[in-house]
């Protein structure tokens, strides 16, 4: 009976690990798929539907890459961030002079995504060791002058095979770049929606 229980527990652990890897692969594939769409960098404030609202498909910023990739996996960050901000507004950055949440824009701000991922996902180390960054991770950077940036680590590697590539939008639309260490990393997260 003990052996049977050990085998069953081992299978459950293997199954959980496989499901975890399956999610990361799906998120990586979703991010890569976004790069096939022509998108103009556009930080304009839009009134959008709620939930599942999005700015026009041909427009977006770095946070929209993350929102769209997760949405392809059935995870609506607009709704999740808005719900959490409604209950816990004071736990989110107070940089924009708002007194209440705004479902049109809050999820499209890097600091708000960082807060959400740190509250509900795994906060990972921010080293310069490339092996710490794996497909399905979300990384944030400080670009200087108060600008922040966000992208998704995908399962394609740099030409020197030393680090994974990033899908992001830093002004050229949704693209794949070898930019993991191009800027100062300020956040590193793993979020599966569970």
N, C-alpha and C. Protein backbone atom coordinates (compact mmCIF):
# COMPACT_ATOMS: atom_id res chain seq x y z
N UNK A 1 0.82 -1.20 0.00
CA UNK A 1 0.00 0.00 0.00
C UNK A 1 0.86 1.26 0.00
N UNK A 2 1.98 1.23 0.78
CA UNK A 2 2.88 2.39 0.82
C UNK A 2 3.47 2.66 -0.55
N UNK A 3 3.88 1.60 -1.26
CA UNK A 3 4.46 1.77 -2.59
C UNK A 3 3.44 2.36 -3.55
N UNK A 4 2.22 1.89 -3.48
CA UNK A 4 1.16 2.39 -4.34
C UNK A 4 0.91 3.87 -4.06
N UNK A 5 0.91 4.25 -2.79
CA UNK A 5 0.72 5.64 -2.42
C UNK A 5 1.87 6.51 -2.92
N UNK A 6 3.12 6.01 -2.81
CA UNK A 6 4.29 6.74 -3.31
C UNK A 6 4.22 6.94 -4.81
N UNK A 7 3.82 5.89 -5.52
CA UNK A 7 3.69 5.98 -6.98
C UNK A 7 2.62 7.01 -7.34
N UNK A 8 1.49 6.96 -6.63
CA UNK A 8 0.39 7.89 -6.89
C UNK A 8 0.83 9.33 -6.63
N UNK A 9 1.53 9.58 -5.51
CA UNK A 9 2.03 10.91 -5.17
C UNK A 9 3.04 11.39 -6.22
N UNK A 10 3.92 10.49 -6.65
CA UNK A 10 4.91 10.84 -7.67
C UNK A 10 4.23 11.24 -8.98
N UNK A 11 3.20 10.49 -9.37
CA UNK A 11 2.47 10.82 -10.59
C UNK A 11 1.78 12.17 -10.47
N UNK A 12 1.24 12.47 -9.29
CA UNK A 12 0.57 13.76 -9.07
C UNK A 12 1.58 14.91 -9.20
N UNK A 13 2.79 14.71 -8.66
CA UNK A 13 3.83 15.75 -8.75
C UNK A 13 4.26 15.94 -10.20
N UNK A 14 4.46 14.86 -10.91
CA UNK A 14 4.85 14.93 -12.33
C UNK A 14 3.75 15.62 -13.14
N UNK A 15 2.50 15.27 -12.86
CA UNK A 15 1.37 15.87 -13.56
C UNK A 15 1.30 17.37 -13.31
N UNK A 16 1.51 17.79 -12.05
CA UNK A 16 1.49 19.22 -11.72
C UNK A 16 2.63 19.95 -12.42
N UNK A 17 3.82 19.34 -12.46
CA UNK A 17 4.97 19.96 -13.13
C UNK A 17 4.70 20.10 -14.64
N UNK A 18 4.09 19.07 -15.23
CA UNK A 18 3.76 19.11 -16.66
C UNK A 18 2.75 20.23 -16.94
N UNK A 19 1.73 20.35 -16.09
CA UNK A 19 0.72 21.39 -16.27
C UNK A 19 1.37 22.76 -16.18
N UNK A 20 2.32 22.93 -15.25
CA UNK A 20 3.02 24.19 -15.09
C UNK A 20 3.79 24.52 -16.37
N UNK A 21 4.56 23.55 -16.88
CA UNK A 21 5.33 23.78 -18.11
C UNK A 21 4.40 24.03 -19.29
N UNK A 22 3.26 23.37 -19.30
CA UNK A 22 2.29 23.56 -20.37
C UNK A 22 1.80 25.01 -20.38
N UNK A 23 1.55 25.58 -19.21
CA UNK A 23 1.10 26.98 -19.13
C UNK A 23 2.17 27.91 -19.69
N UNK A 24 3.42 27.71 -19.27
CA UNK A 24 4.50 28.57 -19.73
C UNK A 24 4.67 28.51 -21.24
N UNK A 25 4.56 27.32 -21.79
CA UNK A 25 4.64 27.15 -23.24
C UNK A 25 3.51 27.89 -23.93
N UNK A 26 2.31 27.78 -23.39
CA UNK A 26 1.16 28.47 -23.98
C UNK A 26 1.31 29.98 -23.91
N UNK A 27 1.82 30.49 -22.78
CA UNK A 27 2.00 31.94 -22.65
C UNK A 27 3.08 32.42 -23.61
N UNK A 28 4.16 31.67 -23.71
CA UNK A 28 5.23 32.00 -24.65
C UNK A 28 4.69 32.01 -26.08
N UNK A 29 3.93 30.98 -26.44
CA UNK A 29 3.36 30.90 -27.80
C UNK A 29 2.39 32.05 -28.06
N UNK A 30 1.59 32.41 -27.05
CA UNK A 30 0.64 33.52 -27.20
C UNK A 30 1.40 34.82 -27.45
N UNK A 31 2.47 35.05 -26.69
CA UNK A 31 3.26 36.26 -26.87
C UNK A 31 3.88 36.30 -28.26
N UNK A 32 4.42 35.17 -28.70
CA UNK A 32 5.02 35.10 -30.05
C UNK A 32 3.97 35.38 -31.12
N UNK A 33 2.77 34.82 -30.94
CA UNK A 33 1.69 35.02 -31.92
C UNK A 33 1.34 36.51 -32.05
N UNK A 34 1.44 37.25 -30.96
CA UNK A 34 1.13 38.68 -31.01
C UNK A 34 2.06 39.44 -31.95
N UNK A 35 3.28 38.95 -32.11
CA UNK A 35 4.25 39.66 -32.96
C UNK A 35 3.89 39.57 -34.44
N UNK A 36 2.93 38.73 -34.78
CA UNK A 36 2.49 38.62 -36.18
C UNK A 36 1.53 39.76 -36.54
N UNK A 37 1.00 40.45 -35.51
CA UNK A 37 0.05 41.54 -35.75
C UNK A 37 0.77 42.88 -35.81
N UNK A 38 0.39 43.70 -36.77
CA UNK A 38 0.97 45.03 -36.90
C UNK A 38 0.32 45.95 -35.87
N UNK A 39 1.14 46.49 -34.98
CA UNK A 39 0.65 47.35 -33.91
C UNK A 39 1.50 48.61 -33.84
N UNK A 40 0.84 49.75 -33.80
CA UNK A 40 1.52 51.03 -33.62
C UNK A 40 1.56 51.35 -32.13
N UNK A 41 2.72 51.79 -31.65
CA UNK A 41 2.84 52.18 -30.25
C UNK A 41 1.96 53.39 -30.02
N UNK A 42 1.01 53.27 -29.07
CA UNK A 42 0.06 54.35 -28.84
C UNK A 42 -0.38 54.32 -27.37
N UNK A 43 0.10 55.27 -26.56
CA UNK A 43 -0.25 55.31 -25.14
C UNK A 43 -1.54 56.08 -24.84
N UNK A 44 -2.32 56.38 -25.86
CA UNK A 44 -3.55 57.17 -25.68
C UNK A 44 -4.50 56.49 -24.69
N UNK A 45 -5.17 57.30 -23.88
CA UNK A 45 -6.22 56.81 -22.99
C UNK A 45 -7.45 56.51 -23.84
N UNK A 46 -7.96 55.30 -23.73
CA UNK A 46 -9.17 54.90 -24.45
C UNK A 46 -10.23 54.48 -23.45
N UNK A 47 -11.49 54.81 -23.73
CA UNK A 47 -12.60 54.21 -22.99
C UNK A 47 -12.84 52.86 -23.64
N UNK A 48 -12.77 51.80 -22.84
CA UNK A 48 -12.91 50.45 -23.38
C UNK A 48 -13.97 49.69 -22.59
N UNK A 49 -14.54 48.64 -23.19
CA UNK A 49 -15.52 47.84 -22.46
C UNK A 49 -14.90 47.18 -21.23
N UNK A 50 -15.74 46.75 -20.32
CA UNK A 50 -15.29 46.01 -19.14
C UNK A 50 -16.32 44.94 -18.85
N UNK A 51 -15.91 43.71 -18.59
CA UNK A 51 -14.54 43.18 -18.68
C UNK A 51 -14.16 42.86 -20.12
N UNK A 52 -12.98 42.29 -20.28
CA UNK A 52 -12.44 41.89 -21.58
C UNK A 52 -12.31 43.03 -22.58
N UNK A 53 -12.11 44.24 -22.07
CA UNK A 53 -11.92 45.38 -22.95
C UNK A 53 -10.49 45.45 -23.48
N UNK A 54 -10.34 46.04 -24.65
CA UNK A 54 -9.02 46.22 -25.23
C UNK A 54 -9.02 47.49 -26.06
N UNK A 55 -7.86 48.10 -26.17
CA UNK A 55 -7.71 49.23 -27.08
C UNK A 55 -7.78 48.68 -28.50
N UNK A 56 -7.90 49.54 -29.52
CA UNK A 56 -7.94 49.02 -30.89
C UNK A 56 -6.79 48.04 -31.16
N UNK A 57 -7.07 46.97 -31.86
CA UNK A 57 -6.10 45.89 -32.10
C UNK A 57 -4.83 46.38 -32.77
N UNK A 58 -4.90 47.47 -33.51
CA UNK A 58 -3.73 47.98 -34.22
C UNK A 58 -2.91 48.96 -33.38
N UNK A 59 -3.30 49.11 -32.11
CA UNK A 59 -2.61 50.05 -31.23
C UNK A 59 -2.21 49.35 -29.94
N UNK A 60 -1.29 49.97 -29.18
CA UNK A 60 -0.95 49.40 -27.88
C UNK A 60 0.40 49.85 -27.38
N UNK A 61 0.68 49.45 -26.14
CA UNK A 61 1.94 49.73 -25.46
C UNK A 61 2.45 48.42 -24.86
N UNK A 62 3.52 48.51 -24.08
CA UNK A 62 4.12 47.28 -23.54
C UNK A 62 3.15 46.48 -22.67
N UNK A 63 2.36 47.16 -21.86
CA UNK A 63 1.42 46.45 -20.99
C UNK A 63 0.35 45.71 -21.79
N UNK A 64 0.01 46.25 -22.96
CA UNK A 64 -1.00 45.58 -23.79
C UNK A 64 -0.51 44.24 -24.31
N UNK A 65 0.80 44.10 -24.50
CA UNK A 65 1.36 42.79 -24.90
C UNK A 65 1.06 41.76 -23.81
N UNK A 66 1.30 42.14 -22.56
CA UNK A 66 1.07 41.23 -21.43
C UNK A 66 -0.42 40.92 -21.31
N UNK A 67 -1.25 41.97 -21.39
CA UNK A 67 -2.70 41.79 -21.28
C UNK A 67 -3.20 40.86 -22.38
N UNK A 68 -2.78 41.09 -23.61
CA UNK A 68 -3.28 40.29 -24.74
C UNK A 68 -2.78 38.85 -24.68
N UNK A 69 -1.54 38.64 -24.27
CA UNK A 69 -1.02 37.27 -24.18
C UNK A 69 -1.79 36.48 -23.11
N UNK A 70 -1.98 37.07 -21.95
CA UNK A 70 -2.74 36.38 -20.90
C UNK A 70 -4.19 36.16 -21.32
N UNK A 71 -4.77 37.13 -22.01
CA UNK A 71 -6.16 36.99 -22.43
C UNK A 71 -6.33 35.82 -23.40
N UNK A 72 -5.29 35.55 -24.21
CA UNK A 72 -5.35 34.40 -25.13
C UNK A 72 -5.42 33.08 -24.36
N UNK A 73 -5.04 33.11 -23.08
CA UNK A 73 -5.12 31.93 -22.23
C UNK A 73 -6.32 31.99 -21.29
N UNK A 74 -7.23 32.93 -21.56
CA UNK A 74 -8.45 33.03 -20.77
C UNK A 74 -8.31 33.80 -19.47
N UNK A 75 -7.23 34.56 -19.31
CA UNK A 75 -7.01 35.34 -18.08
C UNK A 75 -7.15 36.82 -18.42
N UNK A 76 -8.16 37.46 -17.82
CA UNK A 76 -8.45 38.85 -18.10
C UNK A 76 -7.82 39.74 -17.02
N UNK A 77 -6.63 40.27 -17.30
CA UNK A 77 -5.94 41.12 -16.34
C UNK A 77 -6.69 42.42 -16.09
N UNK A 78 -7.43 42.91 -17.07
CA UNK A 78 -8.24 44.11 -16.84
C UNK A 78 -9.18 43.87 -15.66
N UNK A 79 -9.91 42.79 -15.71
CA UNK A 79 -10.89 42.46 -14.67
C UNK A 79 -10.20 42.16 -13.34
N UNK A 80 -9.16 41.34 -13.38
CA UNK A 80 -8.48 40.94 -12.15
C UNK A 80 -7.84 42.13 -11.44
N UNK A 81 -7.16 42.98 -12.19
CA UNK A 81 -6.51 44.14 -11.58
C UNK A 81 -7.56 45.12 -11.08
N UNK A 82 -8.62 45.35 -11.86
CA UNK A 82 -9.67 46.27 -11.42
C UNK A 82 -10.34 45.77 -10.14
N UNK A 83 -10.65 44.48 -10.09
CA UNK A 83 -11.29 43.93 -8.88
C UNK A 83 -10.39 44.08 -7.66
N UNK A 84 -9.09 43.82 -7.83
CA UNK A 84 -8.19 43.94 -6.69
C UNK A 84 -8.00 45.40 -6.30
N UNK A 85 -7.92 46.29 -7.28
CA UNK A 85 -7.77 47.70 -6.96
C UNK A 85 -9.02 48.26 -6.28
N UNK A 86 -10.18 47.76 -6.66
CA UNK A 86 -11.42 48.20 -6.03
C UNK A 86 -11.42 47.85 -4.54
N UNK A 87 -10.89 46.69 -4.20
CA UNK A 87 -10.85 46.24 -2.80
C UNK A 87 -9.62 46.78 -2.05
N UNK A 88 -8.53 47.01 -2.76
CA UNK A 88 -7.25 47.33 -2.12
C UNK A 88 -6.54 48.50 -2.80
N UNK A 89 -7.27 49.56 -3.08
CA UNK A 89 -6.73 50.68 -3.85
C UNK A 89 -5.43 51.23 -3.25
N UNK A 90 -5.35 51.29 -1.92
CA UNK A 90 -4.19 51.88 -1.26
C UNK A 90 -2.92 51.05 -1.42
N UNK A 91 -3.04 49.78 -1.82
CA UNK A 91 -1.87 48.92 -2.00
C UNK A 91 -1.20 49.14 -3.36
N UNK A 92 -1.88 49.88 -4.24
CA UNK A 92 -1.35 50.16 -5.58
C UNK A 92 -0.70 51.54 -5.61
N UNK A 93 0.23 51.75 -6.55
CA UNK A 93 0.89 53.06 -6.64
C UNK A 93 -0.13 54.19 -6.80
N UNK A 94 0.14 55.30 -6.16
CA UNK A 94 -0.75 56.46 -6.19
C UNK A 94 -0.10 57.58 -7.00
N UNK A 95 0.31 57.27 -8.23
CA UNK A 95 1.08 58.20 -9.04
C UNK A 95 0.26 59.07 -9.97
N UNK A 96 -1.01 58.76 -10.15
CA UNK A 96 -1.76 59.40 -11.21
C UNK A 96 -2.86 60.32 -10.70
N UNK A 97 -2.87 60.59 -9.40
CA UNK A 97 -3.83 61.53 -8.82
C UNK A 97 -5.25 61.03 -8.76
N UNK A 98 -5.44 59.74 -8.92
CA UNK A 98 -6.80 59.19 -8.88
C UNK A 98 -7.18 58.84 -7.45
N UNK A 99 -8.46 58.92 -7.17
CA UNK A 99 -8.98 58.55 -5.85
C UNK A 99 -9.73 57.22 -5.89
N UNK A 100 -10.03 56.76 -7.11
CA UNK A 100 -10.75 55.50 -7.31
C UNK A 100 -10.16 54.78 -8.52
N UNK A 101 -10.37 53.47 -8.63
CA UNK A 101 -9.87 52.72 -9.79
C UNK A 101 -10.56 53.15 -11.09
N UNK A 102 -9.88 52.91 -12.19
CA UNK A 102 -10.40 53.21 -13.53
C UNK A 102 -10.15 52.00 -14.41
N UNK A 103 -11.19 51.26 -14.73
CA UNK A 103 -11.06 50.01 -15.50
C UNK A 103 -10.59 50.24 -16.92
N UNK A 104 -10.55 51.48 -17.38
CA UNK A 104 -10.07 51.78 -18.73
C UNK A 104 -8.55 51.78 -18.82
N UNK A 105 -7.87 52.10 -17.71
CA UNK A 105 -6.42 52.36 -17.80
C UNK A 105 -5.58 51.64 -16.75
N UNK A 106 -6.13 51.36 -15.58
CA UNK A 106 -5.30 50.85 -14.48
C UNK A 106 -4.46 49.64 -14.86
N UNK A 107 -5.05 48.69 -15.56
CA UNK A 107 -4.34 47.47 -15.95
C UNK A 107 -3.29 47.73 -17.02
N UNK A 108 -3.32 48.90 -17.63
CA UNK A 108 -2.37 49.26 -18.68
C UNK A 108 -1.17 50.03 -18.15
N UNK A 109 -0.98 50.04 -16.85
CA UNK A 109 0.14 50.74 -16.23
C UNK A 109 1.11 49.73 -15.64
N UNK A 110 2.39 49.85 -15.99
CA UNK A 110 3.41 48.89 -15.53
C UNK A 110 3.42 48.77 -14.00
N UNK A 111 3.47 49.87 -13.25
CA UNK A 111 3.51 49.71 -11.79
C UNK A 111 2.31 48.95 -11.22
N UNK A 112 1.14 49.12 -11.84
CA UNK A 112 -0.04 48.37 -11.37
C UNK A 112 0.09 46.89 -11.70
N UNK A 113 0.60 46.56 -12.89
CA UNK A 113 0.82 45.15 -13.21
C UNK A 113 1.85 44.55 -12.26
N UNK A 114 2.90 45.30 -11.95
CA UNK A 114 3.92 44.81 -11.02
C UNK A 114 3.29 44.51 -9.65
N UNK A 115 2.46 45.42 -9.17
CA UNK A 115 1.81 45.22 -7.88
C UNK A 115 0.92 43.99 -7.92
N UNK A 116 0.13 43.86 -8.97
CA UNK A 116 -0.76 42.70 -9.09
C UNK A 116 0.03 41.39 -9.12
N UNK A 117 1.07 41.32 -9.96
CA UNK A 117 1.85 40.09 -10.06
C UNK A 117 2.55 39.77 -8.75
N UNK A 118 2.99 40.77 -8.03
CA UNK A 118 3.66 40.51 -6.75
C UNK A 118 2.65 40.05 -5.69
N UNK A 119 1.41 40.49 -5.81
CA UNK A 119 0.39 40.08 -4.84
C UNK A 119 -0.17 38.68 -5.11
N UNK A 120 -0.26 38.30 -6.39
CA UNK A 120 -0.96 37.06 -6.73
C UNK A 120 -0.09 36.03 -7.45
N UNK A 121 1.10 36.40 -7.83
CA UNK A 121 2.00 35.46 -8.50
C UNK A 121 3.22 35.22 -7.64
N UNK A 122 4.22 34.69 -8.26
CA UNK A 122 5.51 34.46 -7.59
C UNK A 122 6.46 35.59 -7.98
N UNK A 123 7.05 36.25 -6.99
CA UNK A 123 8.08 37.25 -7.26
C UNK A 123 9.41 36.53 -7.27
N UNK A 124 10.10 36.63 -8.41
CA UNK A 124 11.36 35.91 -8.59
C UNK A 124 12.54 36.88 -8.47
N UNK A 125 13.71 36.31 -8.38
CA UNK A 125 14.93 37.11 -8.21
C UNK A 125 15.20 37.99 -9.43
N UNK A 126 15.86 39.13 -9.19
CA UNK A 126 16.21 40.05 -10.29
C UNK A 126 17.73 40.11 -10.42
N UNK A 127 18.32 39.01 -10.84
CA UNK A 127 19.77 38.94 -11.00
C UNK A 127 20.15 39.21 -12.45
N UNK A 128 21.44 39.18 -12.71
CA UNK A 128 21.93 39.27 -14.09
C UNK A 128 22.34 37.88 -14.60
N UNK A 129 21.86 36.86 -13.93
CA UNK A 129 22.12 35.48 -14.33
C UNK A 129 20.99 35.03 -15.27
N UNK A 130 21.29 34.82 -16.55
CA UNK A 130 20.24 34.50 -17.51
C UNK A 130 19.47 33.22 -17.21
N UNK A 131 20.06 32.27 -16.49
CA UNK A 131 19.35 31.02 -16.22
C UNK A 131 18.18 31.22 -15.26
N UNK A 132 18.13 32.36 -14.58
CA UNK A 132 17.03 32.65 -13.65
C UNK A 132 15.74 33.04 -14.39
N UNK A 133 15.86 33.39 -15.67
CA UNK A 133 14.72 33.88 -16.45
C UNK A 133 14.28 32.79 -17.43
N UNK A 134 13.05 32.33 -17.27
CA UNK A 134 12.57 31.21 -18.08
C UNK A 134 11.29 31.59 -18.82
N UNK A 135 10.98 30.87 -19.90
CA UNK A 135 9.77 31.17 -20.67
C UNK A 135 8.53 31.22 -19.77
N UNK A 136 7.69 32.22 -20.04
CA UNK A 136 6.49 32.42 -19.25
C UNK A 136 6.67 33.41 -18.12
N UNK A 137 7.91 33.82 -17.85
CA UNK A 137 8.15 34.84 -16.83
C UNK A 137 7.78 36.22 -17.40
N UNK A 138 7.43 37.12 -16.50
CA UNK A 138 7.18 38.51 -16.85
C UNK A 138 8.30 39.33 -16.21
N UNK A 139 8.91 40.22 -16.98
CA UNK A 139 10.03 41.03 -16.50
C UNK A 139 9.67 42.50 -16.68
N UNK A 140 10.08 43.31 -15.68
CA UNK A 140 9.89 44.76 -15.78
C UNK A 140 11.24 45.45 -15.66
N UNK A 141 11.35 46.60 -16.31
CA UNK A 141 12.59 47.36 -16.35
C UNK A 141 12.35 48.82 -15.99
N UNK A 142 13.40 49.46 -15.52
CA UNK A 142 13.45 50.91 -15.34
C UNK A 142 14.23 51.45 -16.53
N UNK A 143 13.57 52.25 -17.36
CA UNK A 143 14.21 52.82 -18.55
C UNK A 143 14.89 54.15 -18.25
N UNK A 144 14.72 54.64 -17.03
CA UNK A 144 15.26 55.94 -16.66
C UNK A 144 14.21 57.02 -16.81
N UNK A 145 14.43 58.15 -16.16
CA UNK A 145 13.51 59.29 -16.22
C UNK A 145 12.08 58.94 -15.84
N UNK A 146 11.92 57.99 -14.91
CA UNK A 146 10.59 57.61 -14.44
C UNK A 146 9.81 56.70 -15.36
N UNK A 147 10.43 56.22 -16.42
CA UNK A 147 9.75 55.32 -17.37
C UNK A 147 10.00 53.87 -16.99
N UNK A 148 8.93 53.08 -17.01
CA UNK A 148 9.04 51.65 -16.75
C UNK A 148 8.58 50.88 -17.98
N UNK A 149 8.95 49.61 -18.04
CA UNK A 149 8.67 48.79 -19.21
C UNK A 149 8.41 47.36 -18.76
N UNK A 150 7.67 46.60 -19.56
CA UNK A 150 7.33 45.22 -19.21
C UNK A 150 7.33 44.34 -20.46
N UNK A 151 7.70 43.07 -20.29
CA UNK A 151 7.69 42.12 -21.40
C UNK A 151 7.60 40.70 -20.88
N UNK A 152 7.43 39.77 -21.81
CA UNK A 152 7.28 38.35 -21.49
C UNK A 152 8.47 37.57 -22.03
N UNK A 153 9.06 36.73 -21.21
CA UNK A 153 10.15 35.85 -21.63
C UNK A 153 9.54 34.72 -22.46
N UNK A 154 10.14 34.46 -23.63
CA UNK A 154 9.62 33.40 -24.50
C UNK A 154 10.64 32.28 -24.64
N UNK A 155 10.23 31.19 -25.28
CA UNK A 155 11.09 30.01 -25.36
C UNK A 155 12.02 29.99 -26.58
N UNK A 156 12.38 31.15 -27.06
CA UNK A 156 13.40 31.27 -28.11
C UNK A 156 14.62 31.93 -27.48
N UNK A 157 15.80 31.52 -27.96
CA UNK A 157 17.03 32.03 -27.34
C UNK A 157 17.78 33.00 -28.25
N UNK A 158 18.64 33.77 -27.61
CA UNK A 158 19.51 34.73 -28.30
C UNK A 158 20.44 33.98 -29.25
N UNK A 159 21.05 34.70 -30.19
CA UNK A 159 21.92 34.07 -31.18
C UNK A 159 23.11 33.37 -30.53
N UNK A 160 23.56 33.87 -29.37
CA UNK A 160 24.66 33.20 -28.67
C UNK A 160 24.15 32.10 -27.73
N UNK A 161 22.84 31.88 -27.72
CA UNK A 161 22.19 30.80 -26.96
C UNK A 161 22.36 30.96 -25.44
N UNK A 162 22.61 32.17 -24.97
CA UNK A 162 22.86 32.39 -23.54
C UNK A 162 21.64 32.85 -22.75
N UNK A 163 20.65 33.40 -23.41
CA UNK A 163 19.48 33.90 -22.69
C UNK A 163 18.24 33.80 -23.58
N UNK A 164 17.08 33.76 -22.92
CA UNK A 164 15.82 33.75 -23.65
C UNK A 164 15.50 35.15 -24.16
N UNK A 165 14.70 35.20 -25.21
CA UNK A 165 14.28 36.45 -25.81
C UNK A 165 13.00 36.97 -25.13
N UNK A 166 12.65 38.19 -25.45
CA UNK A 166 11.51 38.89 -24.85
C UNK A 166 10.54 39.32 -25.93
N UNK A 167 9.23 39.18 -25.67
CA UNK A 167 8.22 39.83 -26.50
C UNK A 167 7.75 41.05 -25.73
N UNK A 168 7.78 42.20 -26.41
CA UNK A 168 7.43 43.47 -25.77
C UNK A 168 7.06 44.48 -26.85
N UNK A 169 6.69 45.68 -26.41
CA UNK A 169 6.45 46.80 -27.32
C UNK A 169 7.10 48.02 -26.69
N UNK A 170 8.23 48.39 -27.22
CA UNK A 170 8.96 49.54 -26.68
C UNK A 170 8.96 50.71 -27.66
N UNK A 171 8.05 50.65 -28.61
CA UNK A 171 7.92 51.74 -29.57
C UNK A 171 7.84 51.27 -31.01
N UNK A 172 8.22 50.03 -31.25
CA UNK A 172 8.22 49.48 -32.61
C UNK A 172 7.11 48.48 -32.85
N UNK A 173 6.13 48.46 -31.98
CA UNK A 173 5.07 47.46 -32.08
C UNK A 173 5.45 46.21 -31.32
N UNK A 174 4.61 45.21 -31.37
CA UNK A 174 4.83 43.95 -30.66
C UNK A 174 5.93 43.18 -31.38
N UNK A 175 7.06 42.99 -30.69
CA UNK A 175 8.22 42.40 -31.35
C UNK A 175 8.98 41.48 -30.40
N UNK A 176 9.83 40.64 -31.01
CA UNK A 176 10.73 39.76 -30.27
C UNK A 176 12.10 40.44 -30.25
N UNK A 177 12.69 40.55 -29.05
CA UNK A 177 13.98 41.22 -28.92
C UNK A 177 14.90 40.49 -27.96
N UNK A 178 16.18 40.66 -28.18
CA UNK A 178 17.20 40.19 -27.25
C UNK A 178 17.54 41.37 -26.34
N UNK A 179 16.66 41.62 -25.36
CA UNK A 179 16.80 42.84 -24.55
C UNK A 179 16.71 42.57 -23.06
N UNK A 180 16.83 41.32 -22.64
CA UNK A 180 16.66 41.00 -21.22
C UNK A 180 17.51 41.88 -20.33
N UNK A 181 18.78 42.07 -20.69
CA UNK A 181 19.69 42.86 -19.85
C UNK A 181 20.02 44.22 -20.45
N UNK A 182 19.18 44.70 -21.36
CA UNK A 182 19.41 46.01 -21.98
C UNK A 182 19.09 47.17 -21.05
N UNK A 183 18.26 46.92 -20.06
CA UNK A 183 17.84 47.96 -19.12
C UNK A 183 17.92 47.39 -17.71
N UNK A 184 17.77 48.24 -16.71
CA UNK A 184 17.82 47.81 -15.32
C UNK A 184 16.53 47.05 -14.97
N UNK A 185 16.69 45.79 -14.60
CA UNK A 185 15.53 44.96 -14.23
C UNK A 185 15.07 45.37 -12.83
N UNK A 186 13.76 45.65 -12.71
CA UNK A 186 13.20 46.04 -11.42
C UNK A 186 12.11 45.08 -10.94
N UNK A 187 11.74 44.12 -11.78
CA UNK A 187 10.72 43.15 -11.39
C UNK A 187 10.81 41.90 -12.22
N UNK A 188 10.50 40.77 -11.59
CA UNK A 188 10.56 39.47 -12.26
C UNK A 188 9.48 38.60 -11.62
N UNK A 189 8.51 38.19 -12.41
CA UNK A 189 7.33 37.53 -11.87
C UNK A 189 6.96 36.28 -12.66
N UNK A 190 6.22 35.43 -11.98
CA UNK A 190 5.65 34.24 -12.60
C UNK A 190 4.19 34.18 -12.15
N UNK A 191 3.28 34.29 -13.09
CA UNK A 191 1.85 34.31 -12.77
C UNK A 191 1.11 33.39 -13.71
N UNK A 192 0.37 32.45 -13.14
CA UNK A 192 -0.37 31.48 -13.94
C UNK A 192 -1.88 31.62 -13.80
N UNK A 193 -2.32 32.62 -13.06
CA UNK A 193 -3.74 32.82 -12.90
C UNK A 193 -4.38 31.95 -11.84
N UNK A 194 -3.55 31.26 -11.07
CA UNK A 194 -4.08 30.37 -10.02
C UNK A 194 -3.71 30.88 -8.65
